[in-house]
Amino acid sequence: MSGGGANYHFHDDASSDGRAPLAEHCDAAEAAGLTTVCVTNHVERMLPSGRWVVELEEAVERFSAEGGAAAREDAARPGLDVRLGAEFEYRPEWTDDLERLAERVPFDFVLGSVHVVEGLNVSGGPEVEEYFEDRNLEEAYAPYFDALEEMVAWGGFDAVAHFDLVKRYGHEHYGAYDPGQFEGRIRSVLGAMADAGVGIEVNASGLAQAPAAPYPSETVLAWALEEGVPFLTAGTDSHRPDDLATGLEEAVAVARRAGWSRLAILEDRSVVEERPLETDSASPAGGAEEVGGAR
């Protein structure tokens, strides 16, 4: 596989919305020709009521076990480096526990993400319609980018996940997303990321969803370079082994067209390698159904 050979965003069955143990995802990574993967499960878990919660001791136990699984897979697979990561969903009431978790678990990489804006989930579930139904374009998108900037100001992570995820369902309400309508807000977030040393990911999941484009768009990826965002990671945000590499080469090709030439590899929360993006071809994203989608 061209394009850096790394997936730094996927979920297995240690995430509430993931399927199959880590070993099966690693099998899929080897079959796809990847050389490095970082499993990034959600810290929050879903209760039977459907409510998402963060419970520190539960999370420490779960991620410590996942770290053991990652170490075993790494040792058993000479051609595949397996790293431990996490996806930290930003909600102000969770940040103290997320910081404590990061102190107690030796993560290689942490993504920061926004799914909930003004108390409503914008990325899936029954709250989506409630969020979008009575808002115009500005009222829907602007608070999301404001929440991203608040998350960057908090800073308890390494790279922003699916930067413009709000377009996933916004596309259905307002049509095709034009980042130029929010250029000032977006550049403000990107500038804050650059100042904080926070990277950005190109997330392939949007290719198989309504936007038919990665998160973020090519335009935003180009602005990220202009604003000085220091590094790029790539991930599929997959939730089952069959989708482990879906759209990854195409997403990396979009980043290459935006001007990015290298893909970051992180260990111990630091960039240890930057691989050239050799995207001589882009494979189609396909239409495989996601379990959980970009969450």
Protein backbone atom coordinates (compact mmCIF):
# COMPACT_ATOMS: atom_id res chain seq x y z
CA MET A 1 0.00 0.00 0.00
CA SER A 2 1.26 3.46 -0.90
CA GLY A 3 0.60 6.59 1.09
CA GLY A 4 2.54 5.88 4.27
CA GLY A 5 1.13 2.46 5.17
CA ALA A 6 -0.33 3.57 8.50
CA ASN A 7 -3.78 3.73 10.07
CA TYR A 8 -3.90 5.85 13.22
CA HIS A 9 -7.66 5.78 13.82
CA PHE A 10 -9.76 2.66 14.22
CA HIS A 11 -11.88 0.99 16.89
CA ASP A 12 -12.12 -2.63 18.02
CA ASP A 13 -14.43 -4.39 20.47
CA ALA A 14 -12.91 -2.59 23.43
CA SER A 15 -14.86 0.43 22.17
CA SER A 16 -18.63 0.49 22.72
CA ASP A 17 -19.23 0.92 19.00
CA GLY A 18 -16.47 -1.41 17.74
CA ARG A 19 -16.59 -5.00 16.59
CA ALA A 20 -14.07 -7.87 16.81
CA PRO A 21 -10.88 -8.20 18.87
CA LEU A 22 -7.70 -6.35 18.01
CA ALA A 23 -6.13 -9.47 16.47
CA GLU A 24 -8.71 -9.52 13.68
CA HIS A 25 -8.08 -5.86 12.88
CA CYS A 26 -4.36 -6.61 12.74
CA ASP A 27 -5.03 -9.49 10.35
CA ALA A 28 -6.88 -7.02 8.11
CA ALA A 29 -4.02 -4.53 8.36
CA GLU A 30 -1.49 -7.12 7.23
CA ALA A 31 -3.76 -8.21 4.38
CA ALA A 32 -3.99 -4.57 3.24
CA GLY A 33 -0.21 -4.11 3.31
CA LEU A 34 -0.13 -1.69 6.23
CA THR A 35 3.01 -1.54 8.35
CA THR A 36 1.80 0.51 11.34
CA VAL A 37 -1.55 0.69 13.13
CA CYS A 38 -2.69 2.53 16.23
CA VAL A 39 -5.94 1.43 17.84
CA THR A 40 -7.85 4.48 19.10
CA ASN A 41 -10.87 3.35 21.09
CA HIS A 42 -13.31 5.74 22.71
CA VAL A 43 -12.85 6.47 26.38
CA GLU A 44 -16.57 7.02 26.91
CA ARG A 45 -18.78 3.98 26.91
CA MET A 46 -22.46 3.60 26.20
CA LEU A 47 -24.80 2.58 29.00
CA PRO A 48 -27.88 0.44 28.28
CA SER A 49 -29.89 3.67 28.43
CA GLY A 50 -27.93 4.97 25.43
CA ARG A 51 -26.13 7.60 27.51
CA TRP A 52 -22.36 7.97 27.05
CA VAL A 53 -20.26 8.24 30.22
CA VAL A 54 -16.60 8.43 31.20
CA GLU A 55 -15.67 6.40 34.29
CA LEU A 56 -12.00 6.79 35.12
CA GLU A 57 -11.28 3.46 36.82
CA GLU A 58 -13.19 1.49 34.19
CA ALA A 59 -11.25 3.31 31.45
CA VAL A 60 -7.87 2.69 33.11
CA GLU A 61 -8.64 -1.02 33.37
CA ARG A 62 -9.93 -1.28 29.79
CA PHE A 63 -7.08 0.65 28.17
CA SER A 64 -4.45 -1.14 30.26
CA ALA A 65 -5.83 -4.43 28.95
CA GLU A 66 -5.87 -3.04 25.42
CA GLY A 67 -2.25 -1.98 25.84
CA GLY A 68 -1.41 -5.57 26.72
CA ALA A 69 -3.24 -6.78 23.62
CA ALA A 70 -1.40 -4.26 21.45
CA ALA A 71 1.95 -5.36 22.87
CA ARG A 72 1.17 -9.03 22.17
CA GLU A 73 0.10 -8.31 18.60
CA ASP A 74 3.16 -6.15 18.04
CA ALA A 75 5.46 -8.93 19.27
CA ALA A 76 3.71 -11.59 17.19
CA ARG A 77 3.76 -9.67 13.88
CA PRO A 78 7.29 -8.78 12.66
CA GLY A 79 5.97 -6.76 9.73
CA LEU A 80 3.35 -4.76 11.64
CA ASP A 81 3.93 -2.18 14.36
CA VAL A 82 0.91 -2.08 16.69
CA ARG A 83 0.46 0.99 18.86
CA LEU A 84 -1.96 1.98 21.62
CA GLY A 85 -3.98 5.13 21.21
CA ALA A 86 -7.31 6.60 22.27
CA GLU A 87 -9.94 9.01 21.06
CA PHE A 88 -10.71 11.65 23.68
CA GLU A 89 -14.12 13.16 23.06
CA TYR A 90 -14.13 16.75 24.24
CA ARG A 91 -16.77 17.62 26.76
CA PRO A 92 -15.75 20.07 29.49
CA GLU A 93 -17.14 17.83 32.23
CA TRP A 94 -14.89 14.97 31.08
CA THR A 95 -11.55 16.73 30.75
CA ASP A 96 -10.30 16.12 34.30
CA ASP A 97 -10.83 12.37 33.99
CA LEU A 98 -9.28 12.31 30.51
CA GLU A 99 -6.18 14.04 31.83
CA ARG A 100 -5.94 11.55 34.70
CA LEU A 101 -6.34 8.67 32.27
CA ALA A 102 -3.48 9.97 30.12
CA GLU A 103 -1.29 10.12 33.24
CA ARG A 104 -1.99 6.48 34.09
CA VAL A 105 -1.96 4.76 30.69
CA PRO A 106 1.10 4.98 28.39
CA PHE A 107 -0.61 5.98 25.16
CA ASP A 108 1.35 6.34 21.95
CA PHE A 109 -1.19 8.71 20.43
CA VAL A 110 -4.34 10.55 21.48
CA LEU A 111 -6.94 12.02 19.14
CA GLY A 112 -9.22 14.83 20.25
CA SER A 113 -12.73 14.97 18.81
CA VAL A 114 -15.99 16.87 19.04
CA HIS A 115 -19.28 15.01 18.63
CA VAL A 116 -21.57 16.97 20.95
CA VAL A 117 -22.37 20.64 20.40
CA GLU A 118 -24.62 22.60 22.72
CA GLY A 119 -25.66 19.35 24.37
CA LEU A 120 -26.65 17.53 21.17
CA ASN A 121 -24.79 14.87 19.18
CA VAL A 122 -24.03 16.08 15.65
CA SER A 123 -22.48 12.83 14.39
CA GLY A 124 -25.18 10.20 14.90
CA GLY A 125 -28.11 8.98 16.92
CA PRO A 126 -31.53 10.49 17.60
CA GLU A 127 -30.15 13.90 18.60
CA VAL A 128 -28.87 14.67 15.11
CA GLU A 129 -32.22 15.77 13.73
CA GLU A 130 -32.90 17.84 16.83
CA TYR A 131 -29.60 19.66 16.35
CA PHE A 132 -30.08 20.52 12.68
CA GLU A 133 -33.84 20.86 12.26
CA ASP A 134 -34.34 24.47 13.43
CA ARG A 135 -30.93 25.91 12.55
CA ASN A 136 -29.70 27.64 9.46
CA LEU A 137 -26.24 26.86 8.06
CA GLU A 138 -24.42 29.43 10.19
CA GLU A 139 -26.24 28.38 13.36
CA ALA A 140 -25.34 24.72 12.78
CA TYR A 141 -21.72 24.93 11.65
CA ALA A 142 -20.34 27.91 13.60
CA PRO A 143 -20.92 26.41 17.09
CA TYR A 144 -19.16 23.23 15.99
CA PHE A 145 -16.03 25.11 14.95
CA ASP A 146 -16.23 27.13 18.17
CA ALA A 147 -16.27 23.84 20.12
CA LEU A 148 -13.20 22.68 18.19
CA GLU A 149 -11.37 25.83 19.21
CA GLU A 150 -12.37 25.30 22.84
CA MET A 151 -11.00 21.76 22.62
CA VAL A 152 -7.70 23.00 21.20
CA ALA A 153 -7.46 25.53 24.04
CA TRP A 154 -7.84 22.61 26.47
CA GLY A 155 -5.09 20.73 24.66
CA GLY A 156 -5.15 17.27 26.23
CA PHE A 157 -4.49 15.38 22.97
CA ASP A 158 -2.10 15.16 20.01
CA ALA A 159 -4.17 15.64 16.83
CA VAL A 160 -7.69 16.74 15.91
CA ALA A 161 -9.89 13.94 14.59
CA HIS A 162 -12.34 14.38 11.68
CA PHE A 163 -11.97 18.16 11.74
CA ASP A 164 -15.20 19.04 9.88
CA LEU A 165 -17.37 16.12 11.04
CA VAL A 166 -20.39 18.45 11.30
CA LYS A 167 -20.72 18.17 7.51
CA ARG A 168 -21.67 14.47 7.80
CA TYR A 169 -25.31 15.30 8.49
CA GLY A 170 -25.09 18.97 7.64
CA HIS A 171 -24.74 17.83 4.03
CA GLU A 172 -28.26 16.38 4.19
CA HIS A 173 -29.75 19.63 5.48
CA TYR A 174 -27.82 22.31 3.60
CA GLY A 175 -26.27 20.58 0.60
CA ALA A 176 -22.61 20.40 -0.31
CA TYR A 177 -20.26 21.89 2.28
CA ASP A 178 -18.26 24.93 1.27
CA PRO A 179 -15.54 25.57 3.86
CA GLY A 180 -15.00 29.00 2.35
CA GLN A 181 -18.17 30.15 4.11
CA PHE A 182 -16.40 29.57 7.44
CA GLU A 183 -12.82 30.31 6.43
CA GLY A 184 -12.20 32.79 9.22
CA ARG A 185 -13.44 30.45 11.94
CA ILE A 186 -11.62 27.45 10.48
CA ARG A 187 -8.34 29.28 10.10
CA SER A 188 -8.66 30.49 13.68
CA VAL A 189 -8.87 26.89 14.88
CA LEU A 190 -5.98 25.82 12.65
CA GLY A 191 -3.85 28.70 13.88
CA ALA A 192 -4.54 27.69 17.47
CA MET A 193 -3.55 24.12 16.60
CA ALA A 194 -0.29 25.34 15.11
CA ASP A 195 0.46 27.40 18.22
CA ALA A 196 -0.26 24.39 20.44
CA GLY A 197 1.74 21.90 18.36
CA VAL A 198 -1.41 19.90 17.62
CA GLY A 199 -1.63 17.88 14.41
CA ILE A 200 -4.55 17.09 12.11
CA GLU A 201 -5.76 13.79 10.74
CA VAL A 202 -7.18 13.01 7.34
CA ASN A 203 -10.10 10.70 8.12
CA ALA A 204 -11.31 8.41 5.35
CA SER A 205 -14.74 7.62 6.78
CA GLY A 206 -16.44 10.55 5.06
CA LEU A 207 -15.67 9.05 1.66
CA ALA A 208 -18.30 6.34 2.23
CA GLN A 209 -20.77 8.72 3.89
CA ALA A 210 -22.98 11.52 2.54
CA PRO A 211 -20.19 14.08 2.03
CA ALA A 212 -18.25 11.62 -0.21
CA ALA A 213 -15.06 13.36 0.92
CA PRO A 214 -12.63 12.85 3.78
CA TYR A 215 -12.72 14.78 7.03
CA PRO A 216 -11.49 17.44 6.57
CA SER A 217 -11.88 18.54 2.98
CA GLU A 218 -8.95 19.17 0.67
CA THR A 219 -9.36 22.93 1.11
CA VAL A 220 -9.12 22.71 4.90
CA LEU A 221 -6.07 20.44 4.65
CA ALA A 222 -4.40 23.08 2.47
CA TRP A 223 -5.27 25.81 4.97
CA ALA A 224 -3.82 23.65 7.76
CA LEU A 225 -0.46 23.70 5.99
CA GLU A 226 -0.69 27.45 5.42
CA GLU A 227 -1.47 28.05 9.10
CA GLY A 228 1.47 25.92 10.24
CA VAL A 229 -0.23 22.81 11.65
CA PRO A 230 2.84 20.70 12.39
CA PHE A 231 1.91 17.19 11.29
CA LEU A 232 -0.62 14.96 9.56
CA THR A 233 -1.91 11.52 10.53
CA ALA A 234 -4.27 9.27 8.58
CA GLY A 235 -7.03 6.91 9.68
CA THR A 236 -10.13 5.15 8.48
CA ASP A 237 -12.14 5.51 11.70
CA SER A 238 -13.28 1.95 11.04
CA HIS A 239 -15.21 -0.12 13.56
CA ARG A 240 -14.80 -3.61 12.13
CA PRO A 241 -11.96 -5.46 10.42
CA ASP A 242 -13.53 -5.50 6.96
CA ASP A 243 -13.30 -1.69 6.86
CA LEU A 244 -9.82 -1.35 8.35
CA ALA A 245 -8.26 0.03 5.17
CA THR A 246 -11.37 1.30 3.36
CA GLY A 247 -10.68 4.61 1.65
CA LEU A 248 -7.28 5.09 3.28
CA GLU A 249 -5.26 5.50 0.08
CA GLU A 250 -7.86 7.83 -1.41
CA ALA A 251 -7.89 10.00 1.72
CA VAL A 252 -4.11 10.21 1.71
CA ALA A 253 -4.23 11.17 -1.98
CA VAL A 254 -6.52 14.08 -1.06
CA ALA A 255 -4.00 15.22 1.56
CA ARG A 256 -1.22 14.97 -1.01
CA ARG A 257 -3.18 17.15 -3.45
CA ALA A 258 -3.65 19.66 -0.63
CA GLY A 259 0.13 19.94 -0.36
CA TRP A 260 1.03 17.53 2.42
CA SER A 261 4.09 15.46 1.59
CA ARG A 262 4.68 13.46 4.78
CA LEU A 263 2.65 11.34 7.19
CA ALA A 264 3.49 11.36 10.90
CA ILE A 265 4.10 8.21 12.93
CA LEU A 266 3.81 8.70 16.69
CA GLU A 267 5.03 6.75 19.70
CA ASP A 268 4.90 7.85 23.33
CA ARG A 269 2.84 10.89 22.26
CA SER A 270 5.64 12.20 20.01
CA VAL A 271 6.32 12.15 16.27
CA VAL A 272 9.11 9.63 15.71
CA GLU A 273 8.97 9.33 11.93
CA GLU A 274 7.56 11.20 8.95
CA ARG A 275 6.89 8.97 5.95
CA PRO A 276 6.68 10.31 2.40
CA LEU A 277 3.22 10.32 0.86
CA GLU A 278 3.72 8.47 -2.39
CA THR A 279 0.21 8.46 -3.82
CA ASP A 280 0.59 7.27 -7.36
CA SER A 281 -2.97 5.98 -7.36
CA ALA A 282 -6.16 6.37 -5.33
CA SER A 283 -8.44 3.44 -4.75
CA PRO A 284 -12.19 4.03 -4.51
CA ALA A 285 -13.69 4.32 -1.06
CA GLY A 286 -16.37 1.75 -1.61
CA GLY A 287 -19.71 1.70 0.11
CA ALA A 288 -19.16 -0.63 3.05
CA GLU A 289 -21.56 0.02 5.88
CA GLU A 290 -19.94 1.39 9.04
CA VAL A 291 -20.84 0.28 12.54
CA GLY A 292 -21.01 3.56 14.42
CA GLY A 293 -19.59 5.67 11.60
CA ALA A 294 -17.31 8.58 12.42
CA ARG A 295 -17.63 8.57 16.14
